[in-house]
Amino acid sequence: MFRSDCADLPYVLRFYYAWKRGLPFSYVQDVSPRGRSRDIRYSARGNQVEARRDVLSGEDALAVLENLRDAISSATYRIHPEQEGDDLYSPALAPRTIRPVP
């Protein structure tokens, strides 16, 4: 049985979709606080990305899901909005660049 909490679930769903469609998938694997913080889940100035993981096609899906569960927390979502270069979407986000699969 695989378990997921509220922080993991969006990543689990994104991974499952990418895995089923043979699409690339990447996620933030580690964050650190911007400034001093006792708990990165509640950092006042947000967090910065320290490491990300690119999942290669053909990897064991259950192993990836276990790694996701261990790496993702609510702190993963607290990336400071001024931090550039950590957007994990590879295509440009515009109406003409993203189309449904026929």
PDB file of N, CA and C in Angstrom:
ATOM      1  N   MET A   1       0.845  -1.169   0.000  1.00  0.00           N
ATOM      2  CA  MET A   1       0.000   0.000   0.000  1.00  0.00           C
ATOM      3  C   MET A   1       0.895   1.238   0.000  1.00  0.00           C
ATOM      4  N   PHE A   2       0.491   2.254  -0.733  1.00  0.00           N
ATOM      5  CA  PHE A   2       1.232   3.512  -0.777  1.00  0.00           C
ATOM      6  C   PHE A   2       0.414   4.597  -0.100  1.00  0.00           C
ATOM      7  N   ARG A   3       1.056   5.366   0.746  1.00  0.00           N
ATOM      8  CA  ARG A   3       0.379   6.455   1.453  1.00  0.00           C
ATOM      9  C   ARG A   3       0.912   7.793   0.965  1.00  0.00           C
ATOM     10  N   SER A   4       0.033   8.801   1.037  1.00  0.00           N
ATOM     11  CA  SER A   4       0.408  10.146   0.620  1.00  0.00           C
ATOM     12  C   SER A   4      -0.319  11.148   1.505  1.00  0.00           C
ATOM     13  N   ASP A   5       0.363  12.229   1.877  1.00  0.00           N
ATOM     14  CA  ASP A   5      -0.309  13.266   2.649  1.00  0.00           C
ATOM     15  C   ASP A   5      -0.647  14.445   1.728  1.00  0.00           C
ATOM     16  N   CYS A   6      -1.170  15.508   2.313  1.00  0.00           N
ATOM     17  CA  CYS A   6      -1.655  16.629   1.503  1.00  0.00           C
ATOM     18  C   CYS A   6      -0.531  17.325   0.741  1.00  0.00           C
ATOM     19  N   ALA A   7       0.692  17.321   1.239  1.00  0.00           N
ATOM     20  CA  ALA A   7       1.804  17.938   0.516  1.00  0.00           C
ATOM     21  C   ALA A   7       2.263  17.042  -0.633  1.00  0.00           C
ATOM     22  N   ASP A   8       2.248  15.740  -0.423  1.00  0.00           N
ATOM     23  CA  ASP A   8       2.716  14.801  -1.444  1.00  0.00           C
ATOM     24  C   ASP A   8       1.747  14.627  -2.595  1.00  0.00           C
ATOM     25  N   LEU A   9       0.460  14.689  -2.321  1.00  0.00           N
ATOM     26  CA  LEU A   9      -0.551  14.309  -3.309  1.00  0.00           C
ATOM     27  C   LEU A   9      -0.438  15.034  -4.654  1.00  0.00           C
ATOM     28  N   PRO A  10      -0.262  16.357  -4.707  1.00  0.00           N
ATOM     29  CA  PRO A  10      -0.127  16.987  -6.030  1.00  0.00           C
ATOM     30  C   PRO A  10       1.064  16.444  -6.819  1.00  0.00           C
ATOM     31  N   TYR A  11       2.169  16.186  -6.139  1.00  0.00           N
ATOM     32  CA  TYR A  11       3.332  15.636  -6.826  1.00  0.00           C
ATOM     33  C   TYR A  11       3.087  14.204  -7.271  1.00  0.00           C
ATOM     34  N   VAL A  12       2.414  13.427  -6.443  1.00  0.00           N
ATOM     35  CA  VAL A  12       2.087  12.049  -6.804  1.00  0.00           C
ATOM     36  C   VAL A  12       1.217  12.029  -8.055  1.00  0.00           C
ATOM     37  N   LEU A  13       0.210  12.890  -8.100  1.00  0.00           N
ATOM     38  CA  LEU A  13      -0.674  12.934  -9.269  1.00  0.00           C
ATOM     39  C   LEU A  13       0.072  13.408 -10.516  1.00  0.00           C
ATOM     40  N   ARG A  14       0.925  14.431 -10.363  1.00  0.00           N
ATOM     41  CA  ARG A  14       1.717  14.904 -11.499  1.00  0.00           C
ATOM     42  C   ARG A  14       2.654  13.816 -12.004  1.00  0.00           C
ATOM     43  N   PHE A  15       3.299  13.096 -11.071  1.00  0.00           N
ATOM     44  CA  PHE A  15       4.199  12.025 -11.475  1.00  0.00           C
ATOM     45  C   PHE A  15       3.442  10.913 -12.185  1.00  0.00           C
ATOM     46  N   TYR A  16       2.318  10.512 -11.624  1.00  0.00           N
ATOM     47  CA  TYR A  16       1.548   9.420 -12.237  1.00  0.00           C
ATOM     48  C   TYR A  16       1.138   9.775 -13.665  1.00  0.00           C
ATOM     49  N   TYR A  17       0.663  11.001 -13.858  1.00  0.00           N
ATOM     50  CA  TYR A  17       0.272  11.438 -15.197  1.00  0.00           C
ATOM     51  C   TYR A  17       1.475  11.407 -16.142  1.00  0.00           C
ATOM     52  N   ALA A  18       2.595  11.962 -15.703  1.00  0.00           N
ATOM     53  CA  ALA A  18       3.800  11.987 -16.544  1.00  0.00           C
ATOM     54  C   ALA A  18       4.276  10.564 -16.846  1.00  0.00           C
ATOM     55  N   TRP A  19       4.260   9.702 -15.844  1.00  0.00           N
ATOM     56  CA  TRP A  19       4.707   8.326 -16.017  1.00  0.00           C
ATOM     57  C   TRP A  19       3.830   7.584 -17.024  1.00  0.00           C
ATOM     58  N   LYS A  20       2.505   7.739 -16.893  1.00  0.00           N
ATOM     59  CA  LYS A  20       1.585   7.054 -17.808  1.00  0.00           C
ATOM     60  C   LYS A  20       1.715   7.579 -19.239  1.00  0.00           C
ATOM     61  N   ARG A  21       2.036   8.854 -19.397  1.00  0.00           N
ATOM     62  CA  ARG A  21       2.149   9.471 -20.724  1.00  0.00           C
ATOM     63  C   ARG A  21       3.560   9.446 -21.285  1.00  0.00           C
ATOM     64  N   GLY A  22       4.518   8.962 -20.517  1.00  0.00           N
ATOM     65  CA  GLY A  22       5.901   8.944 -20.974  1.00  0.00           C
ATOM     66  C   GLY A  22       6.512  10.336 -21.061  1.00  0.00           C
ATOM     67  N   LEU A  23       6.064  11.224 -20.170  1.00  0.00           N
ATOM     68  CA  LEU A  23       6.530  12.610 -20.172  1.00  0.00           C
ATOM     69  C   LEU A  23       7.648  12.811 -19.153  1.00  0.00           C
ATOM     70  N   PRO A  24       8.458  13.841 -19.347  1.00  0.00           N
ATOM     71  CA  PRO A  24       9.500  14.126 -18.342  1.00  0.00           C
ATOM     72  C   PRO A  24       8.876  14.597 -17.040  1.00  0.00           C
ATOM     73  N   PHE A  25       9.568  14.337 -15.960  1.00  0.00           N
ATOM     74  CA  PHE A  25       9.075  14.752 -14.643  1.00  0.00           C
ATOM     75  C   PHE A  25      10.255  15.182 -13.793  1.00  0.00           C
ATOM     76  N   SER A  26      10.081  16.260 -13.059  1.00  0.00           N
ATOM     77  CA  SER A  26      11.116  16.775 -12.183  1.00  0.00           C
ATOM     78  C   SER A  26      10.438  17.346 -10.947  1.00  0.00           C
ATOM     79  N   TYR A  27      11.135  17.284  -9.825  1.00  0.00           N
ATOM     80  CA  TYR A  27      10.563  17.862  -8.611  1.00  0.00           C
ATOM     81  C   TYR A  27      11.657  18.420  -7.718  1.00  0.00           C
ATOM     82  N   VAL A  28      11.266  19.344  -6.863  1.00  0.00           N
ATOM     83  CA  VAL A  28      12.176  19.934  -5.893  1.00  0.00           C
ATOM     84  C   VAL A  28      12.441  18.885  -4.824  1.00  0.00           C
ATOM     85  N   GLN A  29      13.708  18.553  -4.643  1.00  0.00           N
ATOM     86  CA  GLN A  29      14.072  17.506  -3.703  1.00  0.00           C
ATOM     87  C   GLN A  29      14.503  18.064  -2.347  1.00  0.00           C
ATOM     88  N   ASP A  30      15.004  19.310  -2.335  1.00  0.00           N
ATOM     89  CA  ASP A  30      15.481  19.877  -1.082  1.00  0.00           C
ATOM     90  C   ASP A  30      15.358  21.395  -1.128  1.00  0.00           C
ATOM     91  N   VAL A  31      14.938  21.980  -0.026  1.00  0.00           N
ATOM     92  CA  VAL A  31      14.858  23.439   0.102  1.00  0.00           C
ATOM     93  C   VAL A  31      15.563  23.873   1.383  1.00  0.00           C
ATOM     94  N   SER A  32      15.955  25.144   1.402  1.00  0.00           N
ATOM     95  CA  SER A  32      16.520  25.721   2.619  1.00  0.00           C
ATOM     96  C   SER A  32      15.878  27.091   2.818  1.00  0.00           C
ATOM     97  N   PRO A  33      15.825  27.570   4.053  1.00  0.00           N
ATOM     98  CA  PRO A  33      15.179  28.862   4.304  1.00  0.00           C
ATOM     99  C   PRO A  33      16.033  30.025   3.793  1.00  0.00           C
ATOM    100  N   ARG A  34      15.359  31.078   3.371  1.00  0.00           N
ATOM    101  CA  ARG A  34      16.046  32.328   3.029  1.00  0.00           C
ATOM    102  C   ARG A  34      16.132  33.120   4.324  1.00  0.00           C
ATOM    103  N   GLY A  35      17.301  33.170   4.913  1.00  0.00           N
ATOM    104  CA  GLY A  35      17.460  33.788   6.220  1.00  0.00           C
ATOM    105  C   GLY A  35      17.364  32.740   7.306  1.00  0.00           C
ATOM    106  N   ARG A  36      17.252  33.204   8.516  1.00  0.00           N
ATOM    107  CA  ARG A  36      17.208  32.298   9.666  1.00  0.00           C
ATOM    108  C   ARG A  36      15.785  31.787   9.872  1.00  0.00           C
ATOM    109  N   SER A  37      15.712  30.510  10.201  1.00  0.00           N
ATOM    110  CA  SER A  37      14.409  29.910  10.489  1.00  0.00           C
ATOM    111  C   SER A  37      14.631  28.648  11.309  1.00  0.00           C
ATOM    112  N   ARG A  38      13.797  28.457  12.296  1.00  0.00           N
ATOM    113  CA  ARG A  38      13.883  27.236  13.092  1.00  0.00           C
ATOM    114  C   ARG A  38      13.165  26.077  12.405  1.00  0.00           C
ATOM    115  N   ASP A  39      12.222  26.409  11.530  1.00  0.00           N
ATOM    116  CA  ASP A  39      11.422  25.392  10.854  1.00  0.00           C
ATOM    117  C   ASP A  39      11.176  25.859   9.423  1.00  0.00           C
ATOM    118  N   ILE A  40      11.703  25.124   8.443  1.00  0.00           N
ATOM    119  CA  ILE A  40      11.585  25.575   7.050  1.00  0.00           C
ATOM    120  C   ILE A  40      10.146  25.576   6.544  1.00  0.00           C
ATOM    121  N   ARG A  41       9.254  24.926   7.250  1.00  0.00           N
ATOM    122  CA  ARG A  41       7.848  24.964   6.833  1.00  0.00           C
ATOM    123  C   ARG A  41       7.211  26.320   7.094  1.00  0.00           C
ATOM    124  N   TYR A  42       7.822  27.117   7.978  1.00  0.00           N
ATOM    125  CA  TYR A  42       7.238  28.407   8.350  1.00  0.00           C
ATOM    126  C   TYR A  42       8.250  29.545   8.227  1.00  0.00           C
ATOM    127  N   SER A  43       9.143  29.484   7.275  1.00  0.00           N
ATOM    128  CA  SER A  43      10.165  30.522   7.123  1.00  0.00           C
ATOM    129  C   SER A  43       9.527  31.835   6.669  1.00  0.00           C
ATOM    130  N   ALA A  44       9.884  32.908   7.338  1.00  0.00           N
ATOM    131  CA  ALA A  44       9.257  34.216   7.087  1.00  0.00           C
ATOM    132  C   ALA A  44       9.572  34.768   5.699  1.00  0.00           C
ATOM    133  N   ARG A  45      10.756  34.484   5.176  1.00  0.00           N
ATOM    134  CA  ARG A  45      11.153  35.032   3.870  1.00  0.00           C
ATOM    135  C   ARG A  45      11.062  33.989   2.755  1.00  0.00           C
ATOM    136  N   GLY A  46      10.407  32.903   3.005  1.00  0.00           N
ATOM    137  CA  GLY A  46      10.288  31.861   1.984  1.00  0.00           C
ATOM    138  C   GLY A  46      11.514  30.964   1.964  1.00  0.00           C
ATOM    139  N   ASN A  47      11.525  30.043   1.039  1.00  0.00           N
ATOM    140  CA  ASN A  47      12.624  29.087   0.902  1.00  0.00           C
ATOM    141  C   ASN A  47      13.254  29.208  -0.471  1.00  0.00           C
ATOM    142  N   GLN A  48      14.420  28.608  -0.590  1.00  0.00           N
ATOM    143  CA  GLN A  48      15.082  28.535  -1.888  1.00  0.00           C
ATOM    144  C   GLN A  48      15.366  27.079  -2.213  1.00  0.00           C
ATOM    145  N   VAL A  49      15.385  26.782  -3.487  1.00  0.00           N
ATOM    146  CA  VAL A  49      15.618  25.418  -3.943  1.00  0.00           C
ATOM    147  C   VAL A  49      17.105  25.100  -3.819  1.00  0.00           C
ATOM    148  N   GLU A  50      17.402  23.990  -3.183  1.00  0.00           N
ATOM    149  CA  GLU A  50      18.784  23.526  -3.044  1.00  0.00           C
ATOM    150  C   GLU A  50      19.091  22.374  -3.994  1.00  0.00           C
ATOM    151  N   ALA A  51      18.094  21.542  -4.266  1.00  0.00           N
ATOM    152  CA  ALA A  51      18.302  20.394  -5.153  1.00  0.00           C
ATOM    153  C   ALA A  51      16.975  20.022  -5.796  1.00  0.00           C
ATOM    154  N   ARG A  52      17.072  19.538  -7.003  1.00  0.00           N
ATOM    155  CA  ARG A  52      15.895  19.008  -7.676  1.00  0.00           C
ATOM    156  C   ARG A  52      16.264  17.667  -8.280  1.00  0.00           C
ATOM    157  N   ARG A  53      15.268  16.885  -8.582  1.00  0.00           N
ATOM    158  CA  ARG A  53      15.505  15.555  -9.137  1.00  0.00           C
ATOM    159  C   ARG A  53      14.744  15.407 -10.436  1.00  0.00           C
ATOM    160  N   ASP A  54      15.454  14.972 -11.456  1.00  0.00           N
ATOM    161  CA  ASP A  54      14.842  14.659 -12.732  1.00  0.00           C
ATOM    162  C   ASP A  54      14.631  13.156 -12.787  1.00  0.00           C
ATOM    163  N   VAL A  55      13.404  12.744 -13.012  1.00  0.00           N
ATOM    164  CA  VAL A  55      13.074  11.317 -13.077  1.00  0.00           C
ATOM    165  C   VAL A  55      13.232  10.869 -14.524  1.00  0.00           C
ATOM    166  N   LEU A  56      14.049   9.867 -14.717  1.00  0.00           N
ATOM    167  CA  LEU A  56      14.311   9.353 -16.052  1.00  0.00           C
ATOM    168  C   LEU A  56      13.251   8.333 -16.439  1.00  0.00           C
ATOM    169  N   SER A  57      12.936   8.266 -17.714  1.00  0.00           N
ATOM    170  CA  SER A  57      11.954   7.280 -18.156  1.00  0.00           C
ATOM    171  C   SER A  57      12.510   5.886 -17.892  1.00  0.00           C
ATOM    172  N   GLY A  58      11.635   5.003 -17.512  1.00  0.00           N
ATOM    173  CA  GLY A  58      12.036   3.631 -17.220  1.00  0.00           C
ATOM    174  C   GLY A  58      12.370   3.380 -15.761  1.00  0.00           C
ATOM    175  N   GLU A  59      12.385   4.427 -14.924  1.00  0.00           N
ATOM    176  CA  GLU A  59      12.650   4.220 -13.495  1.00  0.00           C
ATOM    177  C   GLU A  59      11.459   3.511 -12.854  1.00  0.00           C
ATOM    178  N   ASP A  60      11.742   2.778 -11.796  1.00  0.00           N
ATOM    179  CA  ASP A  60      10.706   2.071 -11.055  1.00  0.00           C
ATOM    180  C   ASP A  60       9.751   3.081 -10.416  1.00  0.00           C
ATOM    181  N   ALA A  61       8.491   3.040 -10.814  1.00  0.00           N
ATOM    182  CA  ALA A  61       7.504   4.027 -10.367  1.00  0.00           C
ATOM    183  C   ALA A  61       7.298   3.998  -8.857  1.00  0.00           C
ATOM    184  N   LEU A  62       7.248   2.825  -8.254  1.00  0.00           N
ATOM    185  CA  LEU A  62       7.054   2.760  -6.804  1.00  0.00           C
ATOM    186  C   LEU A  62       8.239   3.347  -6.047  1.00  0.00           C
ATOM    187  N   ALA A  63       9.442   3.128  -6.555  1.00  0.00           N
ATOM    188  CA  ALA A  63      10.622   3.715  -5.916  1.00  0.00           C
ATOM    189  C   ALA A  63      10.578   5.238  -6.019  1.00  0.00           C
ATOM    190  N   VAL A  64      10.157   5.758  -7.163  1.00  0.00           N
ATOM    191  CA  VAL A  64      10.038   7.210  -7.330  1.00  0.00           C
ATOM    192  C   VAL A  64       9.000   7.758  -6.357  1.00  0.00           C
ATOM    193  N   LEU A  65       7.866   7.085  -6.225  1.00  0.00           N
ATOM    194  CA  LEU A  65       6.821   7.537  -5.306  1.00  0.00           C
ATOM    195  C   LEU A  65       7.301   7.526  -3.859  1.00  0.00           C
ATOM    196  N   GLU A  66       8.076   6.535  -3.481  1.00  0.00           N
ATOM    197  CA  GLU A  66       8.619   6.508  -2.120  1.00  0.00           C
ATOM    198  C   GLU A  66       9.582   7.668  -1.901  1.00  0.00           C
ATOM    199  N   ASN A  67      10.420   7.959  -2.903  1.00  0.00           N
ATOM    200  CA  ASN A  67      11.341   9.094  -2.802  1.00  0.00           C
ATOM    201  C   ASN A  67      10.574  10.406  -2.713  1.00  0.00           C
ATOM    202  N   LEU A  68       9.505  10.528  -3.499  1.00  0.00           N
ATOM    203  CA  LEU A  68       8.668  11.729  -3.442  1.00  0.00           C
ATOM    204  C   LEU A  68       8.112  11.932  -2.038  1.00  0.00           C
ATOM    205  N   ARG A  69       7.582  10.885  -1.475  1.00  0.00           N
ATOM    206  CA  ARG A  69       6.974  10.963  -0.139  1.00  0.00           C
ATOM    207  C   ARG A  69       7.992  11.428   0.890  1.00  0.00           C
ATOM    208  N   ASP A  70       9.232  10.980   0.763  1.00  0.00           N
ATOM    209  CA  ASP A  70      10.261  11.359   1.725  1.00  0.00           C
ATOM    210  C   ASP A  70      10.797  12.767   1.486  1.00  0.00           C
ATOM    211  N   ALA A  71      10.770  13.246   0.244  1.00  0.00           N
ATOM    212  CA  ALA A  71      11.381  14.537  -0.097  1.00  0.00           C
ATOM    213  C   ALA A  71      10.422  15.713   0.018  1.00  0.00           C
ATOM    214  N   ILE A  72       9.142  15.508  -0.234  1.00  0.00           N
ATOM    215  CA  ILE A  72       8.185  16.607  -0.301  1.00  0.00           C
ATOM    216  C   ILE A  72       7.588  16.884   1.068  1.00  0.00           C
ATOM    217  N   SER A  73       7.513  18.169   1.395  1.00  0.00           N
ATOM    218  CA  SER A  73       6.803  18.609   2.602  1.00  0.00           C
ATOM    219  C   SER A  73       6.132  19.934   2.262  1.00  0.00           C
ATOM    220  N   SER A  74       5.394  20.488   3.198  1.00  0.00           N
ATOM    221  CA  SER A  74       4.760  21.773   2.922  1.00  0.00           C
ATOM    222  C   SER A  74       5.800  22.864   2.680  1.00  0.00           C
ATOM    223  N   ALA A  75       7.033  22.681   3.151  1.00  0.00           N
ATOM    224  CA  ALA A  75       8.102  23.656   2.898  1.00  0.00           C
ATOM    225  C   ALA A  75       8.452  23.728   1.415  1.00  0.00           C
ATOM    226  N   THR A  76       8.211  22.657   0.683  1.00  0.00           N
ATOM    227  CA  THR A  76       8.506  22.630  -0.749  1.00  0.00           C
ATOM    228  C   THR A  76       7.713  23.693  -1.500  1.00  0.00           C
ATOM    229  N   TYR A  77       6.539  24.025  -1.008  1.00  0.00           N
ATOM    230  CA  TYR A  77       5.670  24.987  -1.680  1.00  0.00           C
ATOM    231  C   TYR A  77       5.994  26.433  -1.310  1.00  0.00           C
ATOM    232  N   ARG A  78       6.830  26.658  -0.333  1.00  0.00           N
ATOM    233  CA  ARG A  78       7.116  28.005   0.152  1.00  0.00           C
ATOM    234  C   ARG A  78       8.363  28.593  -0.510  1.00  0.00           C
ATOM    235  N   ILE A  79       8.413  28.542  -1.820  1.00  0.00           N
ATOM    236  CA  ILE A  79       9.517  29.125  -2.571  1.00  0.00           C
ATOM    237  C   ILE A  79       9.240  30.618  -2.731  1.00  0.00           C
ATOM    238  N   HIS A  80      10.240  31.432  -2.438  1.00  0.00           N
ATOM    239  CA  HIS A  80      10.065  32.877  -2.523  1.00  0.00           C
ATOM    240  C   HIS A  80       9.743  33.261  -3.966  1.00  0.00           C
ATOM    241  N   PRO A  81       8.739  34.129  -4.188  1.00  0.00           N
ATOM    242  CA  PRO A  81       8.320  34.462  -5.556  1.00  0.00           C
ATOM    243  C   PRO A  81       9.382  35.184  -6.375  1.00  0.00           C
ATOM    244  N   GLU A  82      10.357  35.801  -5.730  1.00  0.00           N
ATOM    245  CA  GLU A  82      11.402  36.502  -6.480  1.00  0.00           C
ATOM    246  C   GLU A  82      12.532  35.581  -6.922  1.00  0.00           C
ATOM    247  N   GLN A  83      12.533  34.340  -6.476  1.00  0.00           N
ATOM    248  CA  GLN A  83      13.585  33.409  -6.880  1.00  0.00           C
ATOM    249  C   GLN A  83      13.321  32.966  -8.313  1.00  0.00           C
ATOM    250  N   GLU A  84      14.262  33.232  -9.183  1.00  0.00           N
ATOM    251  CA  GLU A  84      14.118  32.907 -10.601  1.00  0.00           C
ATOM    252  C   GLU A  84      14.830  31.598 -10.932  1.00  0.00           C
ATOM    253  N   GLY A  85      14.387  30.960 -11.996  1.00  0.00           N
ATOM    254  CA  GLY A  85      15.078  29.789 -12.501  1.00  0.00           C
ATOM    255  C   GLY A  85      14.698  28.476 -11.864  1.00  0.00           C
ATOM    256  N   ASP A  86      13.702  28.464 -11.009  1.00  0.00           N
ATOM    257  CA  ASP A  86      13.321  27.216 -10.361  1.00  0.00           C
ATOM    258  C   ASP A  86      11.947  26.732 -10.777  1.00  0.00           C
ATOM    259  N   ASP A  87      11.438  27.278 -11.880  1.00  0.00           N
ATOM    260  CA  ASP A  87      10.175  26.803 -12.419  1.00  0.00           C
ATOM    261  C   ASP A  87      10.433  25.446 -13.053  1.00  0.00           C
ATOM    262  N   LEU A  88       9.650  24.448 -12.707  1.00  0.00           N
ATOM    263  CA  LEU A  88       9.900  23.094 -13.184  1.00  0.00           C
ATOM    264  C   LEU A  88       9.162  22.753 -14.466  1.00  0.00           C
ATOM    265  N   TYR A  89       8.468  23.710 -15.058  1.00  0.00           N
ATOM    266  CA  TYR A  89       7.777  23.446 -16.310  1.00  0.00           C
ATOM    267  C   TYR A  89       8.721  23.715 -17.464  1.00  0.00           C
ATOM    268  N   SER A  90       8.951  22.712 -18.300  1.00  0.00           N
ATOM    269  CA  SER A  90       9.898  22.886 -19.396  1.00  0.00           C
ATOM    270  C   SER A  90       9.345  23.711 -20.560  1.00  0.00           C
ATOM    271  N   PRO A  91       8.072  23.571 -20.952  1.00  0.00           N
ATOM    272  CA  PRO A  91       7.591  24.400 -22.064  1.00  0.00           C
ATOM    273  C   PRO A  91       7.213  25.794 -21.579  1.00  0.00           C
ATOM    274  N   ALA A  92       7.261  26.745 -22.502  1.00  0.00           N
ATOM    275  CA  ALA A  92       6.776  28.087 -22.167  1.00  0.00           C
ATOM    276  C   ALA A  92       5.278  27.988 -21.897  1.00  0.00           C
ATOM    277  N   LEU A  93       4.808  28.670 -20.895  1.00  0.00           N
ATOM    278  CA  LEU A  93       3.400  28.613 -20.551  1.00  0.00           C
ATOM    279  C   LEU A  93       2.637  29.662 -21.351  1.00  0.00           C
ATOM    280  N   ALA A  94       2.125  29.241 -22.463  1.00  0.00           N
ATOM    281  CA  ALA A  94       1.346  30.105 -23.340  1.00  0.00           C
ATOM    282  C   ALA A  94       0.287  29.229 -24.008  1.00  0.00           C
ATOM    283  N   PRO A  95      -0.842  29.810 -24.403  1.00  0.00           N
ATOM    284  CA  PRO A  95      -1.926  28.999 -24.983  1.00  0.00           C
ATOM    285  C   PRO A  95      -1.498  28.159 -26.190  1.00  0.00           C
ATOM    286  N   ARG A  96      -0.546  28.632 -26.968  1.00  0.00           N
ATOM    287  CA  ARG A  96      -0.143  27.877 -28.169  1.00  0.00           C
ATOM    288  C   ARG A  96       0.895  26.799 -27.903  1.00  0.00           C
ATOM    289  N   THR A  97       1.533  26.794 -26.739  1.00  0.00           N
ATOM    290  CA  THR A  97       2.588  25.818 -26.494  1.00  0.00           C
ATOM    291  C   THR A  97       2.109  24.575 -25.755  1.00  0.00           C
ATOM    292  N   ILE A  98       0.971  24.648 -25.092  1.00  0.00           N
ATOM    293  CA  ILE A  98       0.454  23.483 -24.375  1.00  0.00           C
ATOM    294  C   ILE A  98      -0.892  23.100 -24.994  1.00  0.00           C
ATOM    295  N   ARG A  99      -0.924  21.895 -25.514  1.00  0.00           N
ATOM    296  CA  ARG A  99      -2.146  21.417 -26.169  1.00  0.00           C
ATOM    297  C   ARG A  99      -2.503  20.034 -25.625  1.00  0.00           C
ATOM    298  N   PRO A 100      -3.776  19.700 -25.631  1.00  0.00           N
ATOM    299  CA  PRO A 100      -4.156  18.357 -25.172  1.00  0.00           C
ATOM    300  C   PRO A 100      -3.654  17.298 -26.140  1.00  0.00           C
ATOM    301  N   VAL A 101      -3.399  16.132 -25.617  1.00  0.00           N
ATOM    302  CA  VAL A 101      -2.958  15.009 -26.444  1.00  0.00           C
ATOM    303  C   VAL A 101      -4.196  14.470 -27.166  1.00  0.00           C
ATOM    304  N   PRO A 102      -4.105  14.279 -28.488  1.00  0.00           N
ATOM    305  CA  PRO A 102      -5.271  13.773 -29.228  1.00  0.00           C
ATOM    306  C   PRO A 102      -5.621  12.350 -28.860  1.00  0.00           C
TER     307      PRO A 102
END
